[in-house]
Structures are given as C-alpha cells and as structure tokens.
Amino acid sequence: MTQTAPGQATLHYGDGEFVVLKPGRYVTCAVSGRGIPLEILRYWSVSLQEAYAGPDEAFKRLAQAD
C-alpha cells in the first residue's frame, strides 16, 4: 500500500467526480509530483486512479500509457 504524507488525501477517481477515502487537503500529481489542493483538482484518470496538476500533465501521462 502507498504511504501518504500528512495532509495528503486518498481518493477514488470516478467519471466526473471523486470520492474521498482518507481526508486530506491535497493529492499528489502522478507526473510532476506537485501537491494539488482538492478544491482545484480537475484532472485525473479513472483507469489509472491517479491525479494530474493540469491538462499538460494529463496528456503527457496518457501518451505514456499508449
């Protein structure tokens, strides 16, 4: 199981929404490693269950998954 830092949330990413499994203030971008406050989280992958800081990171990761 992945360790989370204090303040880091654990989420389940769904289509158009996410569910908080462990409360926290942020999640970590799977590409850049930057913290993303939950209130501005807009990009994630349902199939990979990971978050992205923005569209550039999301497109970069999806290109790697091909």
PDB file of N, CA and C in Angstrom:
ATOM      1  N   MET A   1       0.849  -1.188   0.000  1.00  0.00           N
ATOM      2  CA  MET A   1       0.000   0.000   0.000  1.00  0.00           C
ATOM      3  C   MET A   1       0.887   1.241   0.000  1.00  0.00           C
ATOM      4  N   THR A   2       0.477   2.267  -0.722  1.00  0.00           N
ATOM      5  CA  THR A   2       1.231   3.508  -0.837  1.00  0.00           C
ATOM      6  C   THR A   2       1.116   4.332   0.444  1.00  0.00           C
ATOM      7  N   GLN A   3       2.226   4.849   0.919  1.00  0.00           N
ATOM      8  CA  GLN A   3       2.231   5.724   2.091  1.00  0.00           C
ATOM      9  C   GLN A   3       1.789   7.119   1.670  1.00  0.00           C
ATOM     10  N   THR A   4       1.037   7.797   2.507  1.00  0.00           N
ATOM     11  CA  THR A   4       0.623   9.170   2.226  1.00  0.00           C
ATOM     12  C   THR A   4       1.206  10.096   3.275  1.00  0.00           C
ATOM     13  N   ALA A   5       1.534  11.302   2.843  1.00  0.00           N
ATOM     14  CA  ALA A   5       2.087  12.314   3.737  1.00  0.00           C
ATOM     15  C   ALA A   5       0.965  12.933   4.562  1.00  0.00           C
ATOM     16  N   PRO A   6       1.305  13.526   5.714  1.00  0.00           N
ATOM     17  CA  PRO A   6       0.270  14.221   6.497  1.00  0.00           C
ATOM     18  C   PRO A   6      -0.398  15.301   5.642  1.00  0.00           C
ATOM     19  N   GLY A   7      -1.696  15.344   5.695  1.00  0.00           N
ATOM     20  CA  GLY A   7      -2.438  16.322   4.897  1.00  0.00           C
ATOM     21  C   GLY A   7      -2.791  15.836   3.510  1.00  0.00           C
ATOM     22  N   GLN A   8      -2.213  14.688   3.109  1.00  0.00           N
ATOM     23  CA  GLN A   8      -2.497  14.157   1.781  1.00  0.00           C
ATOM     24  C   GLN A   8      -3.739  13.276   1.834  1.00  0.00           C
ATOM     25  N   ALA A   9      -4.659  13.528   0.918  1.00  0.00           N
ATOM     26  CA  ALA A   9      -5.893  12.749   0.850  1.00  0.00           C
ATOM     27  C   ALA A   9      -5.680  11.500   0.007  1.00  0.00           C
ATOM     28  N   THR A  10      -6.527  10.516   0.224  1.00  0.00           N
ATOM     29  CA  THR A  10      -6.604   9.351  -0.638  1.00  0.00           C
ATOM     30  C   THR A  10      -7.981   9.392  -1.284  1.00  0.00           C
ATOM     31  N   LEU A  11      -8.017   9.300  -2.613  1.00  0.00           N
ATOM     32  CA  LEU A  11      -9.269   9.425  -3.351  1.00  0.00           C
ATOM     33  C   LEU A  11      -9.514   8.205  -4.216  1.00  0.00           C
ATOM     34  N   HIS A  12     -10.785   7.979  -4.533  1.00  0.00           N
ATOM     35  CA  HIS A  12     -11.173   7.061  -5.597  1.00  0.00           C
ATOM     36  C   HIS A  12     -11.710   7.938  -6.713  1.00  0.00           C
ATOM     37  N   TYR A  13     -11.080   7.846  -7.901  1.00  0.00           N
ATOM     38  CA  TYR A  13     -11.438   8.704  -9.026  1.00  0.00           C
ATOM     39  C   TYR A  13     -12.498   8.026  -9.878  1.00  0.00           C
ATOM     40  N   GLY A  14     -13.615   8.708 -10.066  1.00  0.00           N
ATOM     41  CA  GLY A  14     -14.695   8.206 -10.898  1.00  0.00           C
ATOM     42  C   GLY A  14     -14.890   9.100 -12.110  1.00  0.00           C
ATOM     43  N   ASP A  15     -15.901   8.798 -12.889  1.00  0.00           N
ATOM     44  CA  ASP A  15     -16.225   9.597 -14.068  1.00  0.00           C
ATOM     45  C   ASP A  15     -16.865  10.908 -13.632  1.00  0.00           C
ATOM     46  N   GLY A  16     -16.102  11.987 -13.722  1.00  0.00           N
ATOM     47  CA  GLY A  16     -16.617  13.314 -13.407  1.00  0.00           C
ATOM     48  C   GLY A  16     -16.668  13.667 -11.936  1.00  0.00           C
ATOM     49  N   GLU A  17     -16.249  12.755 -11.072  1.00  0.00           N
ATOM     50  CA  GLU A  17     -16.242  13.036  -9.638  1.00  0.00           C
ATOM     51  C   GLU A  17     -15.248  12.125  -8.944  1.00  0.00           C
ATOM     52  N   PHE A  18     -14.903  12.492  -7.730  1.00  0.00           N
ATOM     53  CA  PHE A  18     -14.044  11.626  -6.931  1.00  0.00           C
ATOM     54  C   PHE A  18     -14.643  11.478  -5.550  1.00  0.00           C
ATOM     55  N   VAL A  19     -14.273  10.390  -4.873  1.00  0.00           N
ATOM     56  CA  VAL A  19     -14.742  10.099  -3.528  1.00  0.00           C
ATOM     57  C   VAL A  19     -13.526  10.119  -2.603  1.00  0.00           C
ATOM     58  N   VAL A  20     -13.650  10.832  -1.517  1.00  0.00           N
ATOM     59  CA  VAL A  20     -12.559  10.911  -0.540  1.00  0.00           C
ATOM     60  C   VAL A  20     -12.587   9.664   0.340  1.00  0.00           C
ATOM     61  N   LEU A  21     -11.509   8.879   0.264  1.00  0.00           N
ATOM     62  CA  LEU A  21     -11.383   7.679   1.091  1.00  0.00           C
ATOM     63  C   LEU A  21     -10.660   7.986   2.397  1.00  0.00           C
ATOM     64  N   LYS A  22      -9.684   8.896   2.326  1.00  0.00           N
ATOM     65  CA  LYS A  22      -8.958   9.354   3.516  1.00  0.00           C
ATOM     66  C   LYS A  22      -8.881  10.874   3.414  1.00  0.00           C
ATOM     67  N   PRO A  23      -9.468  11.596   4.353  1.00  0.00           N
ATOM     68  CA  PRO A  23      -9.482  13.055   4.277  1.00  0.00           C
ATOM     69  C   PRO A  23      -8.071  13.654   4.254  1.00  0.00           C
ATOM     70  N   GLY A  24      -7.954  14.759   3.571  1.00  0.00           N
ATOM     71  CA  GLY A  24      -6.708  15.495   3.488  1.00  0.00           C
ATOM     72  C   GLY A  24      -6.937  16.768   2.692  1.00  0.00           C
ATOM     73  N   ARG A  25      -5.892  17.554   2.568  1.00  0.00           N
ATOM     74  CA  ARG A  25      -6.007  18.838   1.867  1.00  0.00           C
ATOM     75  C   ARG A  25      -5.591  18.759   0.412  1.00  0.00           C
ATOM     76  N   TYR A  26      -4.795  17.735   0.039  1.00  0.00           N
ATOM     77  CA  TYR A  26      -4.264  17.686  -1.319  1.00  0.00           C
ATOM     78  C   TYR A  26      -4.004  16.240  -1.741  1.00  0.00           C
ATOM     79  N   VAL A  27      -3.765  16.077  -3.050  1.00  0.00           N
ATOM     80  CA  VAL A  27      -3.266  14.828  -3.620  1.00  0.00           C
ATOM     81  C   VAL A  27      -2.004  15.181  -4.402  1.00  0.00           C
ATOM     82  N   THR A  28      -1.252  14.180  -4.781  1.00  0.00           N
ATOM     83  CA  THR A  28      -0.004  14.410  -5.496  1.00  0.00           C
ATOM     84  C   THR A  28      -0.162  14.093  -6.972  1.00  0.00           C
ATOM     85  N   CYS A  29       0.323  14.998  -7.829  1.00  0.00           N
ATOM     86  CA  CYS A  29       0.294  14.795  -9.274  1.00  0.00           C
ATOM     87  C   CYS A  29       1.182  13.602  -9.621  1.00  0.00           C
ATOM     88  N   ALA A  30       0.642  12.673 -10.405  1.00  0.00           N
ATOM     89  CA  ALA A  30       1.367  11.464 -10.783  1.00  0.00           C
ATOM     90  C   ALA A  30       2.516  11.753 -11.743  1.00  0.00           C
ATOM     91  N   VAL A  31       2.504  12.899 -12.400  1.00  0.00           N
ATOM     92  CA  VAL A  31       3.551  13.235 -13.374  1.00  0.00           C
ATOM     93  C   VAL A  31       4.602  14.154 -12.766  1.00  0.00           C
ATOM     94  N   SER A  32       4.161  15.236 -12.152  1.00  0.00           N
ATOM     95  CA  SER A  32       5.100  16.254 -11.662  1.00  0.00           C
ATOM     96  C   SER A  32       5.493  16.067 -10.195  1.00  0.00           C
ATOM     97  N   GLY A  33       4.683  15.339  -9.438  1.00  0.00           N
ATOM     98  CA  GLY A  33       4.944  15.180  -8.015  1.00  0.00           C
ATOM     99  C   GLY A  33       4.478  16.361  -7.170  1.00  0.00           C
ATOM    100  N   ARG A  34       3.884  17.365  -7.806  1.00  0.00           N
ATOM    101  CA  ARG A  34       3.388  18.543  -7.072  1.00  0.00           C
ATOM    102  C   ARG A  34       2.103  18.213  -6.325  1.00  0.00           C
ATOM    103  N   GLY A  35       1.917  18.885  -5.195  1.00  0.00           N
ATOM    104  CA  GLY A  35       0.671  18.756  -4.455  1.00  0.00           C
ATOM    105  C   GLY A  35      -0.431  19.539  -5.144  1.00  0.00           C
ATOM    106  N   ILE A  36      -1.625  18.966  -5.214  1.00  0.00           N
ATOM    107  CA  ILE A  36      -2.786  19.603  -5.839  1.00  0.00           C
ATOM    108  C   ILE A  36      -3.867  19.736  -4.769  1.00  0.00           C
ATOM    109  N   PRO A  37      -4.193  20.967  -4.354  1.00  0.00           N
ATOM    110  CA  PRO A  37      -5.286  21.130  -3.390  1.00  0.00           C
ATOM    111  C   PRO A  37      -6.583  20.546  -3.963  1.00  0.00           C
ATOM    112  N   LEU A  38      -7.342  19.856  -3.125  1.00  0.00           N
ATOM    113  CA  LEU A  38      -8.561  19.204  -3.616  1.00  0.00           C
ATOM    114  C   LEU A  38      -9.536  20.178  -4.269  1.00  0.00           C
ATOM    115  N   GLU A  39      -9.568  21.420  -3.763  1.00  0.00           N
ATOM    116  CA  GLU A  39     -10.534  22.369  -4.314  1.00  0.00           C
ATOM    117  C   GLU A  39     -10.220  22.789  -5.745  1.00  0.00           C
ATOM    118  N   ILE A  40      -9.002  22.534  -6.236  1.00  0.00           N
ATOM    119  CA  ILE A  40      -8.694  22.878  -7.629  1.00  0.00           C
ATOM    120  C   ILE A  40      -8.402  21.650  -8.488  1.00  0.00           C
ATOM    121  N   LEU A  41      -8.581  20.453  -7.932  1.00  0.00           N
ATOM    122  CA  LEU A  41      -8.346  19.221  -8.684  1.00  0.00           C
ATOM    123  C   LEU A  41      -9.385  19.083  -9.791  1.00  0.00           C
ATOM    124  N   ARG A  42      -8.926  19.035 -11.045  1.00  0.00           N
ATOM    125  CA  ARG A  42      -9.829  18.922 -12.191  1.00  0.00           C
ATOM    126  C   ARG A  42      -9.459  17.799 -13.147  1.00  0.00           C
ATOM    127  N   TYR A  43      -8.241  17.265 -13.025  1.00  0.00           N
ATOM    128  CA  TYR A  43      -7.755  16.273 -13.986  1.00  0.00           C
ATOM    129  C   TYR A  43      -7.302  15.013 -13.266  1.00  0.00           C
ATOM    130  N   TRP A  44      -7.820  13.862 -13.737  1.00  0.00           N
ATOM    131  CA  TRP A  44      -7.418  12.575 -13.197  1.00  0.00           C
ATOM    132  C   TRP A  44      -7.763  11.486 -14.192  1.00  0.00           C
ATOM    133  N   SER A  45      -7.229  10.303 -13.946  1.00  0.00           N
ATOM    134  CA  SER A  45      -7.516   9.144 -14.772  1.00  0.00           C
ATOM    135  C   SER A  45      -8.297   8.136 -13.943  1.00  0.00           C
ATOM    136  N   VAL A  46      -9.447   7.748 -14.453  1.00  0.00           N
ATOM    137  CA  VAL A  46     -10.259   6.735 -13.778  1.00  0.00           C
ATOM    138  C   VAL A  46      -9.567   5.377 -13.874  1.00  0.00           C
ATOM    139  N   SER A  47      -9.056   5.038 -15.053  1.00  0.00           N
ATOM    140  CA  SER A  47      -8.449   3.718 -15.237  1.00  0.00           C
ATOM    141  C   SER A  47      -7.128   3.569 -14.489  1.00  0.00           C
ATOM    142  N   LEU A  48      -6.335   4.639 -14.400  1.00  0.00           N
ATOM    143  CA  LEU A  48      -5.054   4.578 -13.701  1.00  0.00           C
ATOM    144  C   LEU A  48      -5.172   4.981 -12.231  1.00  0.00           C
ATOM    145  N   GLN A  49      -6.301   5.582 -11.843  1.00  0.00           N
ATOM    146  CA  GLN A  49      -6.546   6.036 -10.471  1.00  0.00           C
ATOM    147  C   GLN A  49      -5.417   6.938  -9.984  1.00  0.00           C
ATOM    148  N   GLU A  50      -5.145   7.999 -10.784  1.00  0.00           N
ATOM    149  CA  GLU A  50      -4.131   8.969 -10.402  1.00  0.00           C
ATOM    150  C   GLU A  50      -4.550  10.367 -10.827  1.00  0.00           C
ATOM    151  N   ALA A  51      -4.015  11.363 -10.133  1.00  0.00           N
ATOM    152  CA  ALA A  51      -4.376  12.764 -10.346  1.00  0.00           C
ATOM    153  C   ALA A  51      -3.280  13.483 -11.128  1.00  0.00           C
ATOM    154  N   TYR A  52      -3.683  14.587 -11.795  1.00  0.00           N
ATOM    155  CA  TYR A  52      -2.755  15.401 -12.581  1.00  0.00           C
ATOM    156  C   TYR A  52      -2.961  16.869 -12.237  1.00  0.00           C
ATOM    157  N   ALA A  53      -1.857  17.615 -12.207  1.00  0.00           N
ATOM    158  CA  ALA A  53      -1.908  19.036 -11.848  1.00  0.00           C
ATOM    159  C   ALA A  53      -2.640  19.870 -12.886  1.00  0.00           C
ATOM    160  N   GLY A  54      -2.627  19.458 -14.138  1.00  0.00           N
ATOM    161  CA  GLY A  54      -3.286  20.222 -15.187  1.00  0.00           C
ATOM    162  C   GLY A  54      -3.367  19.416 -16.469  1.00  0.00           C
ATOM    163  N   PRO A  55      -3.858  20.035 -17.533  1.00  0.00           N
ATOM    164  CA  PRO A  55      -4.036  19.307 -18.792  1.00  0.00           C
ATOM    165  C   PRO A  55      -2.717  18.845 -19.404  1.00  0.00           C
ATOM    166  N   ASP A  56      -1.655  19.608 -19.258  1.00  0.00           N
ATOM    167  CA  ASP A  56      -0.367  19.197 -19.823  1.00  0.00           C
ATOM    168  C   ASP A  56       0.112  17.891 -19.204  1.00  0.00           C
ATOM    169  N   GLU A  57       0.011  17.793 -17.886  1.00  0.00           N
ATOM    170  CA  GLU A  57       0.426  16.581 -17.194  1.00  0.00           C
ATOM    171  C   GLU A  57      -0.478  15.395 -17.567  1.00  0.00           C
ATOM    172  N   ALA A  58      -1.766  15.648 -17.687  1.00  0.00           N
ATOM    173  CA  ALA A  58      -2.700  14.581 -18.055  1.00  0.00           C
ATOM    174  C   ALA A  58      -2.387  14.044 -19.452  1.00  0.00           C
ATOM    175  N   PHE A  59      -2.171  14.935 -20.415  1.00  0.00           N
ATOM    176  CA  PHE A  59      -1.859  14.494 -21.778  1.00  0.00           C
ATOM    177  C   PHE A  59      -0.520  13.770 -21.834  1.00  0.00           C
ATOM    178  N   LYS A  60       0.454  14.249 -21.065  1.00  0.00           N
ATOM    179  CA  LYS A  60       1.773  13.599 -21.035  1.00  0.00           C
ATOM    180  C   LYS A  60       1.638  12.168 -20.512  1.00  0.00           C
ATOM    181  N   ARG A  61       0.896  11.987 -19.436  1.00  0.00           N
ATOM    182  CA  ARG A  61       0.725  10.657 -18.851  1.00  0.00           C
ATOM    183  C   ARG A  61      -0.063   9.732 -19.770  1.00  0.00           C
ATOM    184  N   LEU A  62      -1.114  10.254 -20.377  1.00  0.00           N
ATOM    185  CA  LEU A  62      -1.923   9.421 -21.267  1.00  0.00           C
ATOM    186  C   LEU A  62      -1.134   9.001 -22.502  1.00  0.00           C
ATOM    187  N   ALA A  63      -0.219   9.852 -22.952  1.00  0.00           N
ATOM    188  CA  ALA A  63       0.648   9.488 -24.081  1.00  0.00           C
ATOM    189  C   ALA A  63       1.587   8.350 -23.693  1.00  0.00           C
ATOM    190  N   GLN A  64       2.038   8.335 -22.433  1.00  0.00           N
ATOM    191  CA  GLN A  64       2.922   7.277 -21.940  1.00  0.00           C
ATOM    192  C   GLN A  64       2.177   5.947 -21.825  1.00  0.00           C
ATOM    193  N   ALA A  65       0.878   6.004 -21.564  1.00  0.00           N
ATOM    194  CA  ALA A  65       0.084   4.804 -21.341  1.00  0.00           C
ATOM    195  C   ALA A  65      -0.248   4.072 -22.645  1.00  0.00           C
ATOM    196  N   ASP A  66      -0.077   4.731 -23.781  1.00  0.00           N
ATOM    197  CA  ASP A  66      -0.403   4.092 -25.069  1.00  0.00           C
ATOM    198  C   ASP A  66       0.483   2.926 -25.391  1.00  0.00           C
TER     199      ASP A  66
END
